[in-house]
Amino acid sequence: MEAKTSPNRGTPNNSPRASSLTQFRMIVISVTCATLLSVVNNIIMPNDRLSSSGNRSHDIPQIYPKTSKKLTKDQHINTFWWPSPEEYGGILGKIHDFQNPSDCSAASAKFFVWRSKSDNENDTRGLTAWAHAASSHMLHALTDADQPEAGHRILINDDKLFPMAKGCEHGPETRECYFEPLTNCKLSDVDDYETADPKSTKIKILSKPDEEYDRSVRTLYTSDSIWFRKVKDMYSWTGLGFNSQHSTIHMTAASLAYYFRVKPWLRKEIDERLRRNIPLDLNPQRTIGVPIRRSDKCRRHAIEGSAPGEMECPPLEEYL
């Protein structure tokens, strides 16, 4: 894949360094997203679709009505990989509806702003760590910290640099380089703590993740910690009731799936790589997956914007 960078970065498109970094980033993003999405899909959409003859049908994506409470998925490699919150209802649909109101300026709209670290350019968390934080902050917002009777909040991230998006050629140098926005609301819809009256009762900046606050505050800001508040009741706000397809684990899976809604350009790249490397006749029910530690988990890796490796990674032969 040809490497390109933003014009304002000044790195030549034919630079070996630019090419190498782009390939490394794409490998990390592609492998991580593909792995997580395949796992998430099998958690939140676990049932096979059968044709009238009793055989699995692989020809068309399954259309999931918003009114249904059951999530289904055909598990074949050639079928629909990417869960659509707009079309598929269930928990994913609930998150989408809460995160995308018809009027972000309404007086009833309340926000939870996910702030970057003060030294955000050197924030070397990996994708999974970011997703864990996002899922936890989202559950905080959806339940307003275990008080859903007070309403919910809309989780929105700030627009500071996302370290892994430096030189992004597909969009801003934020998480939106790779992923769809968390909400249709904009930062202009929230109350800006930098310009607000210090005595304003509309804004609260948490000093620590588990600090208590007045639920009537319109705009709540996370603390500057990388940690988050642990929500005790992460599911009942959905109103879907508990059953085999709706539970706490499905709530976690759905929040991760929502966070990892990749942009079309990256979806295309991941799909192409999967189709090149996974046999078309692969049967997931008769396949053993072997997780292999690679990328920025390994010491002495060369991935810019990521933390130092944590372990010595054995050669592939030891896995296979």
C-alpha atoms as a PDB file:
ATOM      1  CA  MET A   1       0.000   0.000   0.000  1.00  0.00           C
ATOM      2  CA  GLU A   2       1.405   3.360  -0.953  1.00  0.00           C
ATOM      3  CA  ALA A   3       2.129   5.627   1.978  1.00  0.00           C
ATOM      4  CA  LYS A   4       0.759   9.146   1.986  1.00  0.00           C
ATOM      5  CA  THR A   5       0.774  11.796   4.659  1.00  0.00           C
ATOM      6  CA  SER A   6      -1.019  15.014   5.331  1.00  0.00           C
ATOM      7  CA  PRO A   7       0.380  18.000   3.424  1.00  0.00           C
ATOM      8  CA  ASN A   8       0.992  19.883   6.663  1.00  0.00           C
ATOM      9  CA  ARG A   9       3.295  17.182   7.978  1.00  0.00           C
ATOM     10  CA  GLY A  10       5.986  17.680   5.386  1.00  0.00           C
ATOM     11  CA  THR A  11       6.930  13.995   5.116  1.00  0.00           C
ATOM     12  CA  PRO A  12       7.569  12.912   1.496  1.00  0.00           C
ATOM     13  CA  ASN A  13       5.092  10.349   0.200  1.00  0.00           C
ATOM     14  CA  ASN A  14       7.926   8.183  -1.072  1.00  0.00           C
ATOM     15  CA  SER A  15       9.837   8.312   2.226  1.00  0.00           C
ATOM     16  CA  PRO A  16      10.810   4.805   3.420  1.00  0.00           C
ATOM     17  CA  ARG A  17      10.039   5.902   6.969  1.00  0.00           C
ATOM     18  CA  ALA A  18       6.570   7.100   5.991  1.00  0.00           C
ATOM     19  CA  SER A  19       5.908   3.870   4.123  1.00  0.00           C
ATOM     20  CA  SER A  20       7.128   1.725   6.996  1.00  0.00           C
ATOM     21  CA  LEU A  21       5.112   3.553   9.617  1.00  0.00           C
ATOM     22  CA  THR A  22       1.977   3.479   7.497  1.00  0.00           C
ATOM     23  CA  GLN A  23       2.302  -0.276   6.982  1.00  0.00           C
ATOM     24  CA  PHE A  24       2.932  -0.863  10.682  1.00  0.00           C
ATOM     25  CA  ARG A  25      -0.085   1.202  11.656  1.00  0.00           C
ATOM     26  CA  MET A  26      -2.302  -0.552   9.127  1.00  0.00           C
ATOM     27  CA  ILE A  27      -1.189  -3.970  10.346  1.00  0.00           C
ATOM     28  CA  VAL A  28      -1.871  -3.059  13.972  1.00  0.00           C
ATOM     29  CA  ILE A  29      -5.248  -1.494  13.189  1.00  0.00           C
ATOM     30  CA  SER A  30      -6.356  -4.193  10.756  1.00  0.00           C
ATOM     31  CA  VAL A  31      -5.412  -7.192  12.881  1.00  0.00           C
ATOM     32  CA  THR A  32      -6.774  -5.725  16.099  1.00  0.00           C
ATOM     33  CA  CYS A  33     -10.054  -4.566  14.576  1.00  0.00           C
ATOM     34  CA  ALA A  34     -10.606  -7.783  12.650  1.00  0.00           C
ATOM     35  CA  THR A  35      -9.960  -9.889  15.744  1.00  0.00           C
ATOM     36  CA  LEU A  36     -12.143  -7.793  18.029  1.00  0.00           C
ATOM     37  CA  LEU A  37     -14.979  -7.479  15.557  1.00  0.00           C
ATOM     38  CA  SER A  38     -15.067 -11.186  14.815  1.00  0.00           C
ATOM     39  CA  VAL A  39     -15.190 -11.917  18.561  1.00  0.00           C
ATOM     40  CA  VAL A  40     -17.749  -9.189  19.235  1.00  0.00           C
ATOM     41  CA  ASN A  41     -19.962 -10.376  16.380  1.00  0.00           C
ATOM     42  CA  ASN A  42     -19.949 -13.899  17.740  1.00  0.00           C
ATOM     43  CA  ILE A  43     -20.907 -12.599  21.193  1.00  0.00           C
ATOM     44  CA  ILE A  44     -23.689 -10.215  20.284  1.00  0.00           C
ATOM     45  CA  MET A  45     -24.944 -11.999  17.157  1.00  0.00           C
ATOM     46  CA  PRO A  46     -24.408 -15.692  17.866  1.00  0.00           C
ATOM     47  CA  ASN A  47     -27.233 -17.468  16.014  1.00  0.00           C
ATOM     48  CA  ASP A  48     -26.944 -18.919  12.522  1.00  0.00           C
ATOM     49  CA  ARG A  49     -29.594 -18.080   9.961  1.00  0.00           C
ATOM     50  CA  LEU A  50     -31.089 -21.134   8.257  1.00  0.00           C
ATOM     51  CA  SER A  51     -32.839 -21.274   4.925  1.00  0.00           C
ATOM     52  CA  SER A  52     -36.168 -23.039   4.459  1.00  0.00           C
ATOM     53  CA  SER A  53     -34.266 -26.198   3.562  1.00  0.00           C
ATOM     54  CA  GLY A  54     -32.370 -26.142   6.849  1.00  0.00           C
ATOM     55  CA  ASN A  55     -29.056 -25.101   5.294  1.00  0.00           C
ATOM     56  CA  ARG A  56     -27.227 -21.912   6.165  1.00  0.00           C
ATOM     57  CA  SER A  57     -27.912 -19.045   3.800  1.00  0.00           C
ATOM     58  CA  HIS A  58     -24.890 -16.922   2.816  1.00  0.00           C
ATOM     59  CA  ASP A  59     -26.161 -14.880  -0.092  1.00  0.00           C
ATOM     60  CA  ILE A  60     -27.567 -11.736   1.535  1.00  0.00           C
ATOM     61  CA  PRO A  61     -27.008  -9.820   4.784  1.00  0.00           C
ATOM     62  CA  GLN A  62     -29.654 -10.468   7.390  1.00  0.00           C
ATOM     63  CA  ILE A  63     -31.942  -7.501   7.976  1.00  0.00           C
ATOM     64  CA  TYR A  64     -32.632  -7.056  11.636  1.00  0.00           C
ATOM     65  CA  PRO A  65     -35.838  -5.183  12.590  1.00  0.00           C
ATOM     66  CA  LYS A  66     -35.462  -2.491  15.233  1.00  0.00           C
ATOM     67  CA  THR A  67     -38.503  -3.806  17.091  1.00  0.00           C
ATOM     68  CA  SER A  68     -36.961  -7.223  17.716  1.00  0.00           C
ATOM     69  CA  LYS A  69     -35.052  -7.987  20.906  1.00  0.00           C
ATOM     70  CA  LYS A  70     -33.000 -10.824  19.495  1.00  0.00           C
ATOM     71  CA  LEU A  71     -29.664 -10.318  17.739  1.00  0.00           C
ATOM     72  CA  THR A  72     -28.774 -12.823  15.048  1.00  0.00           C
ATOM     73  CA  LYS A  73     -25.850 -13.337  12.741  1.00  0.00           C
ATOM     74  CA  ASP A  74     -24.867 -15.747  10.018  1.00  0.00           C
ATOM     75  CA  GLN A  75     -21.371 -16.772  11.048  1.00  0.00           C
ATOM     76  CA  HIS A  76     -19.896 -17.505   7.628  1.00  0.00           C
ATOM     77  CA  ILE A  77     -16.831 -15.568   6.441  1.00  0.00           C
ATOM     78  CA  ASN A  78     -18.593 -14.409   3.250  1.00  0.00           C
ATOM     79  CA  THR A  79     -21.523 -12.792   5.000  1.00  0.00           C
ATOM     80  CA  PHE A  80     -22.123  -9.578   6.856  1.00  0.00           C
ATOM     81  CA  TRP A  81     -19.155  -8.778   9.122  1.00  0.00           C
ATOM     82  CA  TRP A  82     -20.023  -5.298  10.250  1.00  0.00           C
ATOM     83  CA  PRO A  83     -22.938  -4.846  12.694  1.00  0.00           C
ATOM     84  CA  SER A  84     -24.993  -1.757  11.851  1.00  0.00           C
ATOM     85  CA  PRO A  85     -26.535  -0.010  14.873  1.00  0.00           C
ATOM     86  CA  GLU A  86     -28.917   1.869  12.577  1.00  0.00           C
ATOM     87  CA  GLU A  87     -30.365  -1.390  11.181  1.00  0.00           C
ATOM     88  CA  TYR A  88     -29.845  -4.081  13.780  1.00  0.00           C
ATOM     89  CA  GLY A  89     -31.627  -2.853  16.890  1.00  0.00           C
ATOM     90  CA  GLY A  90     -31.077  -4.606  20.209  1.00  0.00           C
ATOM     91  CA  ILE A  91     -28.374  -3.291  22.542  1.00  0.00           C
ATOM     92  CA  LEU A  92     -26.332  -1.833  19.699  1.00  0.00           C
ATOM     93  CA  GLY A  93     -29.387   0.037  18.471  1.00  0.00           C
ATOM     94  CA  LYS A  94     -30.095   1.355  21.965  1.00  0.00           C
ATOM     95  CA  ILE A  95     -26.567   2.748  22.247  1.00  0.00           C
ATOM     96  CA  HIS A  96     -26.865   4.339  18.813  1.00  0.00           C
ATOM     97  CA  ASP A  97     -30.200   5.971  19.642  1.00  0.00           C
ATOM     98  CA  PHE A  98     -28.933   7.376  22.942  1.00  0.00           C
ATOM     99  CA  GLN A  99     -25.706   8.627  21.395  1.00  0.00           C
ATOM    100  CA  ASN A 100     -27.365  10.267  18.388  1.00  0.00           C
ATOM    101  CA  PRO A 101     -30.269  12.482  19.491  1.00  0.00           C
ATOM    102  CA  SER A 102     -32.405  14.409  17.028  1.00  0.00           C
ATOM    103  CA  ASP A 103     -31.508  17.712  18.714  1.00  0.00           C
ATOM    104  CA  CYS A 104     -28.126  18.061  20.416  1.00  0.00           C
ATOM    105  CA  SER A 105     -28.925  21.619  21.504  1.00  0.00           C
ATOM    106  CA  ALA A 106     -32.045  20.614  23.471  1.00  0.00           C
ATOM    107  CA  ALA A 107     -32.165  21.689  27.093  1.00  0.00           C
ATOM    108  CA  SER A 108     -32.664  18.056  28.081  1.00  0.00           C
ATOM    109  CA  ALA A 109     -29.414  16.947  26.398  1.00  0.00           C
ATOM    110  CA  LYS A 110     -26.631  16.153  28.873  1.00  0.00           C
ATOM    111  CA  PHE A 111     -23.028  15.405  27.938  1.00  0.00           C
ATOM    112  CA  PHE A 112     -20.042  13.477  29.216  1.00  0.00           C
ATOM    113  CA  VAL A 113     -16.869  14.838  27.594  1.00  0.00           C
ATOM    114  CA  TRP A 114     -13.988  12.379  27.397  1.00  0.00           C
ATOM    115  CA  ARG A 115     -10.850  14.461  27.863  1.00  0.00           C
ATOM    116  CA  SER A 116      -7.407  13.520  26.568  1.00  0.00           C
ATOM    117  CA  LYS A 117      -4.425  13.405  28.877  1.00  0.00           C
ATOM    118  CA  SER A 118      -2.662  16.733  29.290  1.00  0.00           C
ATOM    119  CA  ASP A 119       0.366  15.173  27.588  1.00  0.00           C
ATOM    120  CA  ASN A 120      -1.792  13.559  24.931  1.00  0.00           C
ATOM    121  CA  GLU A 121       0.900  13.390  22.233  1.00  0.00           C
ATOM    122  CA  ASN A 122       2.803  10.923  24.386  1.00  0.00           C
ATOM    123  CA  ASP A 123      -0.218   8.827  25.343  1.00  0.00           C
ATOM    124  CA  THR A 124       1.021   5.419  24.247  1.00  0.00           C
ATOM    125  CA  ARG A 125      -1.984   3.294  25.145  1.00  0.00           C
ATOM    126  CA  GLY A 126      -2.822   0.601  22.623  1.00  0.00           C
ATOM    127  CA  LEU A 127      -6.151   0.204  20.823  1.00  0.00           C
ATOM    128  CA  THR A 128      -7.537  -2.249  23.353  1.00  0.00           C
ATOM    129  CA  ALA A 129      -6.724   0.062  26.265  1.00  0.00           C
ATOM    130  CA  TRP A 130      -8.470   2.926  24.464  1.00  0.00           C
ATOM    131  CA  ALA A 131     -11.485   0.698  23.784  1.00  0.00           C
ATOM    132  CA  HIS A 132     -11.653  -0.414  27.430  1.00  0.00           C
ATOM    133  CA  ALA A 133     -11.702   3.213  28.545  1.00  0.00           C
ATOM    134  CA  ALA A 134     -14.290   4.097  25.895  1.00  0.00           C
ATOM    135  CA  SER A 135     -16.585   1.226  26.893  1.00  0.00           C
ATOM    136  CA  SER A 136     -16.351   2.209  30.569  1.00  0.00           C
ATOM    137  CA  HIS A 137     -16.956   5.914  29.905  1.00  0.00           C
ATOM    138  CA  MET A 138     -19.891   5.006  27.665  1.00  0.00           C
ATOM    139  CA  LEU A 139     -21.513   2.915  30.400  1.00  0.00           C
ATOM    140  CA  HIS A 140     -20.943   5.806  32.797  1.00  0.00           C
ATOM    141  CA  ALA A 141     -22.712   8.120  30.345  1.00  0.00           C
ATOM    142  CA  LEU A 142     -25.591   5.773  29.517  1.00  0.00           C
ATOM    143  CA  THR A 143     -26.383   5.182  33.203  1.00  0.00           C
ATOM    144  CA  ASP A 144     -25.243   8.609  34.457  1.00  0.00           C
ATOM    145  CA  ALA A 145     -23.029   6.709  36.878  1.00  0.00           C
ATOM    146  CA  ASP A 146     -25.576   4.154  38.100  1.00  0.00           C
ATOM    147  CA  GLN A 147     -28.477   6.594  38.242  1.00  0.00           C
ATOM    148  CA  PRO A 148     -30.368   5.980  34.973  1.00  0.00           C
ATOM    149  CA  GLU A 149     -33.497   7.460  36.532  1.00  0.00           C
ATOM    150  CA  ALA A 150     -31.716  10.830  36.229  1.00  0.00           C
ATOM    151  CA  GLY A 151     -31.493  10.354  32.473  1.00  0.00           C
ATOM    152  CA  HIS A 152     -28.487   9.534  30.358  1.00  0.00           C
ATOM    153  CA  ARG A 153     -25.527  11.458  28.999  1.00  0.00           C
ATOM    154  CA  ILE A 154     -24.056  11.591  25.517  1.00  0.00           C
ATOM    155  CA  LEU A 155     -20.424  10.523  25.413  1.00  0.00           C
ATOM    156  CA  ILE A 156     -18.290  12.760  23.209  1.00  0.00           C
ATOM    157  CA  ASN A 157     -14.499  12.870  22.933  1.00  0.00           C
ATOM    158  CA  ASP A 158     -12.407  16.006  22.608  1.00  0.00           C
ATOM    159  CA  ASP A 159     -10.563  16.880  19.412  1.00  0.00           C
ATOM    160  CA  LYS A 160      -6.992  16.544  20.676  1.00  0.00           C
ATOM    161  CA  LEU A 161      -4.400  14.540  18.760  1.00  0.00           C
ATOM    162  CA  PHE A 162      -4.854  10.749  18.788  1.00  0.00           C
ATOM    163  CA  PRO A 163      -1.204   9.549  18.784  1.00  0.00           C
ATOM    164  CA  MET A 164      -1.835   6.686  16.352  1.00  0.00           C
ATOM    165  CA  ALA A 165      -3.424   9.116  13.870  1.00  0.00           C
ATOM    166  CA  LYS A 166      -0.396  11.313  13.287  1.00  0.00           C
ATOM    167  CA  GLY A 167      -0.187  12.152   9.601  1.00  0.00           C
ATOM    168  CA  CYS A 168      -3.637  10.705   8.920  1.00  0.00           C
ATOM    169  CA  GLU A 169      -4.492  10.921   5.230  1.00  0.00           C
ATOM    170  CA  HIS A 170      -8.155   9.989   5.674  1.00  0.00           C
ATOM    171  CA  GLY A 171      -9.403  12.592   8.118  1.00  0.00           C
ATOM    172  CA  PRO A 172      -8.504  14.494  11.285  1.00  0.00           C
ATOM    173  CA  GLU A 173      -5.622  13.388  13.495  1.00  0.00           C
ATOM    174  CA  THR A 174      -8.102  12.113  16.075  1.00  0.00           C
ATOM    175  CA  ARG A 175      -9.762   8.733  16.593  1.00  0.00           C
ATOM    176  CA  GLU A 176     -12.078   9.780  13.741  1.00  0.00           C
ATOM    177  CA  CYS A 177      -9.215   9.063  11.344  1.00  0.00           C
ATOM    178  CA  TYR A 178     -10.047   5.363  11.764  1.00  0.00           C
ATOM    179  CA  PHE A 179     -13.419   5.193  13.507  1.00  0.00           C
ATOM    180  CA  GLU A 180     -16.870   6.706  13.144  1.00  0.00           C
ATOM    181  CA  PRO A 181     -17.693   9.508  15.607  1.00  0.00           C
ATOM    182  CA  LEU A 182     -19.149   8.424  18.940  1.00  0.00           C
ATOM    183  CA  THR A 183     -22.072  10.808  18.428  1.00  0.00           C
ATOM    184  CA  ASN A 184     -23.663  13.115  15.887  1.00  0.00           C
ATOM    185  CA  CYS A 185     -23.331  15.950  18.423  1.00  0.00           C
ATOM    186  CA  LYS A 186     -20.430  18.381  18.164  1.00  0.00           C
ATOM    187  CA  LEU A 187     -18.157  19.942  20.749  1.00  0.00           C
ATOM    188  CA  SER A 188     -19.915  23.212  19.971  1.00  0.00           C
ATOM    189  CA  ASP A 189     -23.039  21.673  21.558  1.00  0.00           C
ATOM    190  CA  VAL A 190     -21.389  21.210  24.967  1.00  0.00           C
ATOM    191  CA  ASP A 191     -20.634  23.845  27.568  1.00  0.00           C
ATOM    192  CA  ASP A 192     -16.980  24.838  27.181  1.00  0.00           C
ATOM    193  CA  TYR A 193     -15.269  24.944  30.565  1.00  0.00           C
ATOM    194  CA  GLU A 194     -12.511  27.214  29.216  1.00  0.00           C
ATOM    195  CA  THR A 195     -14.914  30.012  28.310  1.00  0.00           C
ATOM    196  CA  ALA A 196     -17.688  29.426  30.853  1.00  0.00           C
ATOM    197  CA  ASP A 197     -18.290  31.472  33.960  1.00  0.00           C
ATOM    198  CA  PRO A 198     -16.288  29.841  36.803  1.00  0.00           C
ATOM    199  CA  LYS A 199     -19.453  29.927  38.896  1.00  0.00           C
ATOM    200  CA  SER A 200     -21.558  28.196  36.243  1.00  0.00           C
ATOM    201  CA  THR A 201     -23.693  25.336  37.513  1.00  0.00           C
ATOM    202  CA  LYS A 202     -23.888  23.817  34.031  1.00  0.00           C
ATOM    203  CA  ILE A 203     -20.355  22.393  34.130  1.00  0.00           C
ATOM    204  CA  LYS A 204     -18.519  19.940  36.324  1.00  0.00           C
ATOM    205  CA  ILE A 205     -14.947  18.687  35.838  1.00  0.00           C
ATOM    206  CA  LEU A 206     -14.303  15.485  37.741  1.00  0.00           C
ATOM    207  CA  SER A 207     -11.186  15.550  39.906  1.00  0.00           C
ATOM    208  CA  LYS A 208     -11.084  11.738  39.951  1.00  0.00           C
ATOM    209  CA  PRO A 209     -13.048   9.078  38.060  1.00  0.00           C
ATOM    210  CA  ASP A 210     -15.334   8.076  40.942  1.00  0.00           C
ATOM    211  CA  GLU A 211     -16.070  11.575  42.250  1.00  0.00           C
ATOM    212  CA  GLU A 212     -19.760  12.161  42.951  1.00  0.00           C
ATOM    213  CA  TYR A 213     -21.537  14.999  41.157  1.00  0.00           C
ATOM    214  CA  ASP A 214     -24.892  16.712  40.737  1.00  0.00           C
ATOM    215  CA  ARG A 215     -26.778  14.739  38.059  1.00  0.00           C
ATOM    216  CA  SER A 216     -28.500  17.946  36.893  1.00  0.00           C
ATOM    217  CA  VAL A 217     -25.193  19.323  35.559  1.00  0.00           C
ATOM    218  CA  ARG A 218     -25.524  19.628  31.784  1.00  0.00           C
ATOM    219  CA  THR A 219     -21.879  19.047  30.786  1.00  0.00           C
ATOM    220  CA  LEU A 220     -19.693  16.693  32.776  1.00  0.00           C
ATOM    221  CA  TYR A 221     -15.976  16.352  31.973  1.00  0.00           C
ATOM    222  CA  THR A 222     -13.864  13.299  32.778  1.00  0.00           C
ATOM    223  CA  SER A 223     -10.896  13.703  35.062  1.00  0.00           C
ATOM    224  CA  ASP A 224      -7.452  13.894  33.477  1.00  0.00           C
ATOM    225  CA  SER A 225      -6.763  10.330  34.598  1.00  0.00           C
ATOM    226  CA  ILE A 226      -6.621   7.465  32.113  1.00  0.00           C
ATOM    227  CA  TRP A 227      -8.923   5.535  34.466  1.00  0.00           C
ATOM    228  CA  PHE A 228     -12.698   5.507  34.660  1.00  0.00           C
ATOM    229  CA  ARG A 229     -15.606   4.888  36.974  1.00  0.00           C
ATOM    230  CA  LYS A 230     -16.797   1.311  37.335  1.00  0.00           C
ATOM    231  CA  VAL A 231     -20.525   1.098  36.728  1.00  0.00           C
ATOM    232  CA  LYS A 232     -22.257  -1.524  38.858  1.00  0.00           C
ATOM    233  CA  ASP A 233     -25.520  -1.858  36.914  1.00  0.00           C
ATOM    234  CA  MET A 234     -24.438  -1.590  33.300  1.00  0.00           C
ATOM    235  CA  TYR A 235     -27.476  -3.200  31.702  1.00  0.00           C
ATOM    236  CA  SER A 236     -30.906  -2.372  33.173  1.00  0.00           C
ATOM    237  CA  TRP A 237     -31.045   1.052  31.447  1.00  0.00           C
ATOM    238  CA  THR A 238     -31.713  -0.709  28.130  1.00  0.00           C
ATOM    239  CA  GLY A 239     -35.174  -1.864  29.214  1.00  0.00           C
ATOM    240  CA  LEU A 240     -34.707  -4.987  27.080  1.00  0.00           C
ATOM    241  CA  GLY A 241     -34.935  -7.506  29.903  1.00  0.00           C
ATOM    242  CA  PHE A 242     -32.503 -10.348  30.553  1.00  0.00           C
ATOM    243  CA  ASN A 243     -32.432 -13.362  28.248  1.00  0.00           C
ATOM    244  CA  SER A 244     -29.939 -15.458  26.310  1.00  0.00           C
ATOM    245  CA  GLN A 245     -29.172 -12.566  23.953  1.00  0.00           C
ATOM    246  CA  HIS A 246     -29.233  -9.669  26.391  1.00  0.00           C
ATOM    247  CA  SER A 247     -27.026  -9.600  29.445  1.00  0.00           C
ATOM    248  CA  THR A 248     -24.085  -7.812  31.009  1.00  0.00           C
ATOM    249  CA  ILE A 249     -21.543  -9.562  28.764  1.00  0.00           C
ATOM    250  CA  HIS A 250     -23.551  -8.619  25.685  1.00  0.00           C
ATOM    251  CA  MET A 251     -23.644  -5.037  26.928  1.00  0.00           C
ATOM    252  CA  THR A 252     -19.845  -4.982  27.121  1.00  0.00           C
ATOM    253  CA  ALA A 253     -19.545  -6.543  23.668  1.00  0.00           C
ATOM    254  CA  ALA A 254     -22.010  -4.068  22.159  1.00  0.00           C
ATOM    255  CA  SER A 255     -20.209  -1.065  23.641  1.00  0.00           C
ATOM    256  CA  LEU A 256     -16.937  -2.312  22.146  1.00  0.00           C
ATOM    257  CA  ALA A 257     -18.598  -2.947  18.795  1.00  0.00           C
ATOM    258  CA  TYR A 258     -20.004   0.582  18.835  1.00  0.00           C
ATOM    259  CA  TYR A 259     -16.591   2.078  19.583  1.00  0.00           C
ATOM    260  CA  PHE A 260     -14.903   0.047  16.834  1.00  0.00           C
ATOM    261  CA  ARG A 261     -17.194   1.128  13.988  1.00  0.00           C
ATOM    262  CA  VAL A 262     -14.445   1.676  11.461  1.00  0.00           C
ATOM    263  CA  LYS A 263     -14.492   4.168   8.618  1.00  0.00           C
ATOM    264  CA  PRO A 264     -15.325   2.842   5.122  1.00  0.00           C
ATOM    265  CA  TRP A 265     -11.715   3.103   3.896  1.00  0.00           C
ATOM    266  CA  LEU A 266     -10.441   0.958   6.782  1.00  0.00           C
ATOM    267  CA  ARG A 267     -13.343  -1.474   6.522  1.00  0.00           C
ATOM    268  CA  LYS A 268     -12.436  -1.999   2.873  1.00  0.00           C
ATOM    269  CA  GLU A 269      -8.792  -2.580   3.769  1.00  0.00           C
ATOM    270  CA  ILE A 270      -9.641  -5.088   6.510  1.00  0.00           C
ATOM    271  CA  ASP A 271     -12.133  -6.950   4.313  1.00  0.00           C
ATOM    272  CA  GLU A 272      -9.606  -7.216   1.496  1.00  0.00           C
ATOM    273  CA  ARG A 273      -6.935  -8.579   3.806  1.00  0.00           C
ATOM    274  CA  LEU A 274      -9.320 -11.073   5.386  1.00  0.00           C
ATOM    275  CA  ARG A 275     -10.485 -12.337   2.010  1.00  0.00           C
ATOM    276  CA  ARG A 276      -6.898 -12.728   0.853  1.00  0.00           C
ATOM    277  CA  ASN A 277      -5.872 -14.705   3.928  1.00  0.00           C
ATOM    278  CA  ILE A 278      -8.929 -16.698   5.037  1.00  0.00           C
ATOM    279  CA  PRO A 279     -10.178 -19.556   2.817  1.00  0.00           C
ATOM    280  CA  LEU A 280     -13.656 -19.012   1.426  1.00  0.00           C
ATOM    281  CA  ASP A 281     -14.741 -22.450   2.598  1.00  0.00           C
ATOM    282  CA  LEU A 282     -13.606 -21.906   6.192  1.00  0.00           C
ATOM    283  CA  ASN A 283     -16.132 -23.231   8.691  1.00  0.00           C
ATOM    284  CA  PRO A 284     -15.836 -21.295  11.992  1.00  0.00           C
ATOM    285  CA  GLN A 285     -17.519 -24.118  13.912  1.00  0.00           C
ATOM    286  CA  ARG A 286     -14.726 -26.508  12.894  1.00  0.00           C
ATOM    287  CA  THR A 287     -11.850 -24.056  13.219  1.00  0.00           C
ATOM    288  CA  ILE A 288      -9.459 -23.505  16.118  1.00  0.00           C
ATOM    289  CA  GLY A 289      -8.223 -19.930  16.503  1.00  0.00           C
ATOM    290  CA  VAL A 290      -4.712 -19.429  17.887  1.00  0.00           C
ATOM    291  CA  PRO A 291      -4.012 -15.944  19.281  1.00  0.00           C
ATOM    292  CA  ILE A 292      -0.456 -14.887  18.465  1.00  0.00           C
ATOM    293  CA  ARG A 293       1.204 -12.048  20.360  1.00  0.00           C
ATOM    294  CA  ARG A 294       2.818  -9.623  17.931  1.00  0.00           C
ATOM    295  CA  SER A 295       2.930  -5.936  17.085  1.00  0.00           C
ATOM    296  CA  ASP A 296       3.485  -3.447  19.921  1.00  0.00           C
ATOM    297  CA  LYS A 297       3.121  -6.179  22.566  1.00  0.00           C
ATOM    298  CA  CYS A 298       6.639  -7.298  21.678  1.00  0.00           C
ATOM    299  CA  ARG A 299       9.795  -5.691  22.935  1.00  0.00           C
ATOM    300  CA  ARG A 300      11.946  -3.788  20.432  1.00  0.00           C
ATOM    301  CA  HIS A 301       9.020  -3.121  18.087  1.00  0.00           C
ATOM    302  CA  ALA A 302       9.246  -0.154  15.715  1.00  0.00           C
ATOM    303  CA  ILE A 303       5.703   1.217  15.943  1.00  0.00           C
ATOM    304  CA  GLU A 304       5.614   4.952  16.522  1.00  0.00           C
ATOM    305  CA  GLY A 305       3.115   6.292  19.056  1.00  0.00           C
ATOM    306  CA  SER A 306       2.843   3.051  21.009  1.00  0.00           C
ATOM    307  CA  ALA A 307       4.119   1.987  24.411  1.00  0.00           C
ATOM    308  CA  PRO A 308       7.317  -0.062  24.720  1.00  0.00           C
ATOM    309  CA  GLY A 309       6.785  -3.771  24.325  1.00  0.00           C
ATOM    310  CA  GLU A 310       5.961  -5.830  27.396  1.00  0.00           C
ATOM    311  CA  MET A 311       7.243  -9.281  26.488  1.00  0.00           C
ATOM    312  CA  GLU A 312       9.623 -11.302  24.388  1.00  0.00           C
ATOM    313  CA  CYS A 313       7.597 -12.708  21.496  1.00  0.00           C
ATOM    314  CA  PRO A 314       8.628 -16.225  20.468  1.00  0.00           C
ATOM    315  CA  PRO A 315       8.986 -17.036  16.768  1.00  0.00           C
ATOM    316  CA  LEU A 316       5.883 -18.113  14.866  1.00  0.00           C
ATOM    317  CA  GLU A 317       7.208 -21.667  14.649  1.00  0.00           C
ATOM    318  CA  GLU A 318       6.670 -22.079  18.389  1.00  0.00           C
ATOM    319  CA  TYR A 319       2.982 -21.286  17.947  1.00  0.00           C
ATOM    320  CA  LEU A 320       2.420 -23.358  14.831  1.00  0.00           C
END
